[in-house]
Structures are given as C-alpha cells and as structure tokens.
N, C-alpha and C. Protein backbone atom coordinates (compact mmCIF):
# COMPACT_ATOMS: atom_id res chain seq x y z
N MET A 1 -10.41 -4.56 10.09
CA MET A 1 -10.20 -3.28 9.44
C MET A 1 -10.94 -3.28 8.10
N GLY A 2 -11.01 -4.40 7.36
CA GLY A 2 -11.76 -4.47 6.15
C GLY A 2 -11.07 -3.92 4.89
N SER A 3 -9.80 -3.59 5.01
CA SER A 3 -9.07 -3.04 3.86
C SER A 3 -8.45 -4.19 3.06
N GLY A 4 -8.23 -3.91 1.78
CA GLY A 4 -7.56 -4.92 0.94
C GLY A 4 -6.66 -4.13 -0.04
N LEU A 5 -5.63 -4.80 -0.48
CA LEU A 5 -4.67 -4.22 -1.43
C LEU A 5 -5.28 -4.22 -2.83
N LYS A 6 -5.08 -3.15 -3.54
CA LYS A 6 -5.48 -3.09 -4.97
C LYS A 6 -4.45 -3.91 -5.75
N PRO A 7 -4.72 -4.30 -6.98
CA PRO A 7 -3.82 -5.10 -7.75
C PRO A 7 -2.42 -4.47 -7.95
N SER A 8 -1.43 -5.30 -8.15
CA SER A 8 -0.04 -4.75 -8.30
C SER A 8 0.07 -3.88 -9.54
N SER A 9 -0.90 -4.00 -10.49
CA SER A 9 -0.87 -3.13 -11.65
C SER A 9 -1.05 -1.62 -11.26
N GLN A 10 -1.57 -1.38 -10.07
CA GLN A 10 -1.79 -0.03 -9.63
C GLN A 10 -0.71 0.44 -8.64
N GLY A 11 0.33 -0.38 -8.49
CA GLY A 11 1.38 -0.08 -7.52
C GLY A 11 2.74 0.06 -8.25
N TRP A 12 3.77 0.17 -7.43
CA TRP A 12 5.13 0.28 -7.90
C TRP A 12 6.07 -0.26 -6.84
N ARG A 13 7.30 -0.47 -7.24
CA ARG A 13 8.31 -0.94 -6.31
C ARG A 13 9.50 0.05 -6.33
N ILE A 14 10.13 0.19 -5.18
CA ILE A 14 11.33 0.97 -4.99
C ILE A 14 12.43 -0.06 -4.84
N ARG A 15 13.40 -0.05 -5.72
CA ARG A 15 14.58 -0.95 -5.60
C ARG A 15 15.74 -0.17 -5.03
N TYR A 16 16.39 -0.71 -4.02
CA TYR A 16 17.53 -0.15 -3.42
C TYR A 16 18.74 -0.94 -3.82
N ASP A 17 19.75 -0.20 -4.40
CA ASP A 17 21.02 -0.78 -4.81
C ASP A 17 22.12 0.20 -4.39
N GLY A 18 22.77 -0.05 -3.31
CA GLY A 18 23.70 0.94 -2.73
C GLY A 18 22.90 2.16 -2.34
N ASP A 19 23.32 3.32 -2.79
CA ASP A 19 22.59 4.56 -2.50
C ASP A 19 21.64 4.95 -3.60
N THR A 20 21.49 4.07 -4.59
CA THR A 20 20.57 4.33 -5.69
C THR A 20 19.17 3.73 -5.44
N ARG A 21 18.16 4.52 -5.80
CA ARG A 21 16.79 4.03 -5.69
C ARG A 21 16.17 4.16 -7.06
N THR A 22 15.52 3.05 -7.48
CA THR A 22 14.91 3.00 -8.79
C THR A 22 13.42 2.66 -8.60
N VAL A 23 12.55 3.36 -9.34
CA VAL A 23 11.10 3.08 -9.29
C VAL A 23 10.75 2.22 -10.45
N VAL A 24 10.01 1.15 -10.17
CA VAL A 24 9.57 0.21 -11.19
C VAL A 24 8.06 0.09 -11.06
N ASP A 25 7.31 0.45 -12.10
CA ASP A 25 5.85 0.35 -12.10
C ASP A 25 5.37 -1.07 -12.27
N GLY A 26 4.23 -1.42 -11.60
CA GLY A 26 3.62 -2.70 -11.78
C GLY A 26 2.92 -2.79 -13.11
N PRO A 27 2.37 -3.91 -13.42
CA PRO A 27 2.07 -5.08 -12.58
C PRO A 27 3.27 -5.96 -12.35
N PHE A 28 3.21 -6.77 -11.33
CA PHE A 28 4.25 -7.69 -10.99
C PHE A 28 3.74 -9.09 -10.96
N THR A 29 4.59 -10.07 -11.30
CA THR A 29 4.16 -11.45 -11.25
C THR A 29 4.03 -11.85 -9.77
N GLU A 30 3.38 -12.91 -9.56
CA GLU A 30 3.17 -13.39 -8.18
C GLU A 30 4.53 -13.63 -7.55
N THR A 31 4.57 -13.28 -6.28
CA THR A 31 5.84 -13.50 -5.52
C THR A 31 5.58 -14.53 -4.45
N ARG A 32 6.60 -15.25 -4.12
CA ARG A 32 6.46 -16.27 -3.02
C ARG A 32 7.26 -15.83 -1.83
N GLU A 33 7.67 -14.57 -1.80
CA GLU A 33 8.47 -14.06 -0.70
C GLU A 33 7.59 -13.68 0.46
N LEU A 34 8.13 -13.75 1.64
CA LEU A 34 7.38 -13.38 2.83
C LEU A 34 7.30 -11.90 3.03
N ILE A 35 6.14 -11.39 3.34
CA ILE A 35 6.02 -9.99 3.71
C ILE A 35 6.34 -9.84 5.19
N ALA A 36 7.40 -9.16 5.48
CA ALA A 36 7.91 -9.10 6.87
C ALA A 36 7.26 -7.99 7.65
N GLY A 37 6.60 -7.04 6.99
CA GLY A 37 5.94 -5.94 7.70
C GLY A 37 5.35 -5.02 6.69
N TYR A 38 4.62 -4.04 7.22
CA TYR A 38 4.02 -3.07 6.32
C TYR A 38 3.87 -1.73 7.05
N THR A 39 3.70 -0.71 6.22
CA THR A 39 3.50 0.63 6.73
C THR A 39 2.35 1.25 5.97
N LEU A 40 1.40 1.85 6.67
CA LEU A 40 0.31 2.51 6.06
C LEU A 40 0.50 4.01 6.13
N ILE A 41 0.39 4.66 5.00
CA ILE A 41 0.42 6.12 4.95
C ILE A 41 -0.83 6.62 4.31
N GLN A 42 -1.34 7.74 4.76
CA GLN A 42 -2.55 8.31 4.20
C GLN A 42 -2.14 9.52 3.39
N VAL A 43 -2.33 9.49 2.08
CA VAL A 43 -1.91 10.58 1.18
C VAL A 43 -3.08 10.91 0.29
N LYS A 44 -2.96 12.05 -0.38
CA LYS A 44 -4.03 12.50 -1.28
C LYS A 44 -3.83 12.08 -2.71
N SER A 45 -2.59 11.66 -3.08
CA SER A 45 -2.36 11.40 -4.48
C SER A 45 -1.20 10.34 -4.60
N ARG A 46 -1.14 9.76 -5.82
CA ARG A 46 -0.03 8.87 -6.13
C ARG A 46 1.34 9.64 -6.04
N ALA A 47 1.33 10.87 -6.47
CA ALA A 47 2.57 11.67 -6.41
C ALA A 47 3.03 11.85 -5.00
N GLU A 48 2.10 12.12 -4.07
CA GLU A 48 2.48 12.26 -2.65
C GLU A 48 3.02 10.94 -2.08
N ALA A 49 2.36 9.86 -2.47
CA ALA A 49 2.84 8.53 -2.01
C ALA A 49 4.20 8.28 -2.52
N MET A 50 4.46 8.62 -3.77
CA MET A 50 5.80 8.44 -4.35
C MET A 50 6.87 9.22 -3.62
N GLU A 51 6.54 10.46 -3.24
CA GLU A 51 7.47 11.27 -2.42
C GLU A 51 7.80 10.56 -1.12
N TRP A 52 6.80 10.03 -0.45
CA TRP A 52 7.05 9.30 0.82
C TRP A 52 7.92 8.06 0.55
N ALA A 53 7.54 7.31 -0.47
CA ALA A 53 8.21 6.03 -0.73
C ALA A 53 9.65 6.24 -1.08
N ARG A 54 10.03 7.28 -1.77
CA ARG A 54 11.40 7.57 -2.11
C ARG A 54 12.26 7.95 -0.94
N ARG A 55 11.64 8.47 0.12
CA ARG A 55 12.32 8.84 1.34
C ARG A 55 12.40 7.70 2.34
N PHE A 56 11.62 6.65 2.12
CA PHE A 56 11.57 5.55 3.05
C PHE A 56 12.94 4.86 3.20
N PRO A 57 13.39 4.57 4.41
CA PRO A 57 14.75 3.99 4.56
C PRO A 57 14.79 2.57 3.98
N ASN A 58 15.99 2.17 3.57
CA ASN A 58 16.20 0.86 3.04
C ASN A 58 15.90 -0.19 4.17
N PRO A 59 14.96 -1.09 3.93
CA PRO A 59 14.60 -2.04 5.00
C PRO A 59 15.64 -3.07 5.30
N ALA A 60 16.63 -3.26 4.39
CA ALA A 60 17.64 -4.28 4.64
C ALA A 60 18.89 -3.62 5.22
N GLY A 61 18.92 -2.30 5.33
CA GLY A 61 20.11 -1.62 5.81
C GLY A 61 20.87 -0.91 4.74
N ARG A 62 21.46 0.20 5.04
CA ARG A 62 22.12 1.02 4.10
C ARG A 62 23.11 0.25 3.24
N GLY A 63 23.02 0.49 1.93
CA GLY A 63 23.95 -0.15 1.01
C GLY A 63 23.63 -1.53 0.55
N ARG A 64 22.64 -2.17 1.18
CA ARG A 64 22.29 -3.52 0.87
C ARG A 64 21.16 -3.55 -0.16
N PRO A 65 21.11 -4.53 -1.03
CA PRO A 65 20.01 -4.60 -2.02
C PRO A 65 18.69 -4.94 -1.32
N ALA A 66 17.64 -4.27 -1.73
CA ALA A 66 16.34 -4.48 -1.15
C ALA A 66 15.27 -3.97 -2.07
N GLU A 67 14.02 -4.22 -1.70
CA GLU A 67 12.94 -3.77 -2.52
C GLU A 67 11.71 -3.58 -1.62
N ILE A 68 10.92 -2.55 -1.82
CA ILE A 68 9.66 -2.38 -1.16
C ILE A 68 8.61 -2.21 -2.26
N GLU A 69 7.40 -2.62 -1.96
CA GLU A 69 6.32 -2.48 -2.89
C GLU A 69 5.27 -1.53 -2.29
N VAL A 70 4.75 -0.63 -3.11
CA VAL A 70 3.78 0.33 -2.70
C VAL A 70 2.52 0.11 -3.49
N ARG A 71 1.42 -0.09 -2.75
CA ARG A 71 0.11 -0.31 -3.41
C ARG A 71 -0.97 0.39 -2.64
N PRO A 72 -1.94 0.91 -3.39
CA PRO A 72 -3.05 1.55 -2.72
C PRO A 72 -3.98 0.50 -2.11
N LEU A 73 -4.75 0.97 -1.14
CA LEU A 73 -5.79 0.14 -0.53
C LEU A 73 -7.12 0.42 -1.17
N TYR A 74 -7.98 -0.60 -1.25
CA TYR A 74 -9.37 -0.37 -1.58
C TYR A 74 -10.00 0.45 -0.49
N GLU A 75 -10.87 1.34 -0.85
CA GLU A 75 -11.65 2.09 0.12
C GLU A 75 -13.12 1.77 -0.10
N LEU A 76 -13.95 1.95 0.90
CA LEU A 76 -15.35 1.58 0.74
C LEU A 76 -16.01 2.29 -0.46
N ASP A 77 -15.56 3.50 -0.75
CA ASP A 77 -16.16 4.23 -1.88
C ASP A 77 -15.80 3.58 -3.23
N ASP A 78 -14.85 2.66 -3.25
CA ASP A 78 -14.49 1.93 -4.52
C ASP A 78 -15.53 0.95 -4.87
N PHE A 79 -16.46 0.64 -3.99
CA PHE A 79 -17.46 -0.38 -4.21
C PHE A 79 -18.86 0.27 -4.36
N GLY A 80 -19.75 -0.42 -5.07
CA GLY A 80 -21.09 0.11 -5.22
C GLY A 80 -21.84 0.10 -3.95
N LEU A 81 -22.97 0.73 -3.96
CA LEU A 81 -23.82 0.79 -2.78
C LEU A 81 -24.46 -0.57 -2.51
N SER A 82 -24.40 -0.95 -1.23
CA SER A 82 -25.05 -2.19 -0.80
C SER A 82 -25.25 -2.12 0.72
N PRO A 83 -26.14 -2.90 1.28
CA PRO A 83 -26.34 -2.91 2.74
C PRO A 83 -25.01 -3.17 3.48
N GLU A 84 -24.21 -4.10 2.91
CA GLU A 84 -22.94 -4.46 3.58
C GLU A 84 -21.95 -3.30 3.62
N ILE A 85 -21.85 -2.57 2.51
CA ILE A 85 -20.97 -1.41 2.44
C ILE A 85 -21.43 -0.33 3.35
N GLU A 86 -22.74 -0.12 3.39
CA GLU A 86 -23.28 0.90 4.33
C GLU A 86 -23.00 0.54 5.76
N ARG A 87 -23.10 -0.78 6.07
CA ARG A 87 -22.85 -1.23 7.49
C ARG A 87 -21.35 -1.04 7.80
N MET A 88 -20.48 -1.33 6.85
CA MET A 88 -19.03 -1.08 7.07
C MET A 88 -18.75 0.41 7.28
N LYS A 89 -19.39 1.26 6.50
CA LYS A 89 -19.17 2.70 6.69
C LYS A 89 -19.66 3.15 8.05
N GLN A 90 -20.77 2.65 8.49
CA GLN A 90 -21.29 3.00 9.82
C GLN A 90 -20.33 2.49 10.89
N MET A 91 -19.80 1.30 10.74
CA MET A 91 -18.85 0.77 11.73
C MET A 91 -17.62 1.66 11.80
N ALA A 92 -17.20 2.19 10.61
CA ALA A 92 -16.00 3.05 10.64
C ALA A 92 -16.30 4.35 11.39
N LEU A 93 -17.51 4.87 11.19
CA LEU A 93 -17.90 6.13 11.87
C LEU A 93 -18.04 5.88 13.39
N ASP A 94 -18.47 4.68 13.78
CA ASP A 94 -18.67 4.36 15.19
C ASP A 94 -17.40 3.88 15.83
N GLY A 95 -16.34 3.86 15.13
CA GLY A 95 -15.07 3.36 15.68
C GLY A 95 -14.98 1.84 15.75
N GLY A 96 -15.78 1.19 14.88
CA GLY A 96 -15.73 -0.27 14.87
C GLY A 96 -16.67 -0.94 15.87
N ASN A 97 -17.50 -0.17 16.54
CA ASN A 97 -18.37 -0.66 17.62
C ASN A 97 -19.77 -1.07 17.19
N ALA A 98 -20.09 -0.88 15.93
CA ALA A 98 -21.48 -1.25 15.45
C ALA A 98 -21.66 -2.73 15.40
N ALA A 99 -22.87 -3.23 15.66
CA ALA A 99 -23.07 -4.62 15.69
C ALA A 99 -23.51 -5.15 14.30
C-alpha cells in the first residue's frame, strides 16, 4: 500500500471512561502496547475525522476503560517530486499493477 502514519504530534487520542469520552492531543511518548487492529477512514479535514472518532465504539466494550489513537497517513503529495513518487502514483492509478 505504501502508506505510513504521520507523527503522533499530528494526531489525538480518544479516552473512554465509562460513558465519557475525552480528546487528548498529541504528541505522545513511545508506547510499547500492541496495536490490535486499525480502521482507515477517508475524510476531508481533521474536524471530520474528529466527528468520526467521537462516534467510534469503545474497543474494550461499553463502560470499560480504553483508548484509541487517531493519526493521519502520509500521502504521496506530502513528498517532493521524484521518479519513485511518480512511479507510486502511477501504480495507484493502475490499481497496483504497474511494474
């Protein structure tokens, strides 16, 4: 896929405590916890991503303490022009079938 997470300074966490949800902005110190799964959403803005994140169900189950982290992905347009970036863009247009 070629995507990568942007730094935690550009993300936030949603903390679940009972029925309360709290937003905490990054950056975050390194974590040694296991990432059990992920969800990708395509949105036009941080505000739209925040709306989705606030509605996301508690991954540990209702009423249990939990936390999710939301971070944007790097996109090819975040990098300068180069033959490698142009090749990745062409692969995306071709559905990943370019050699």
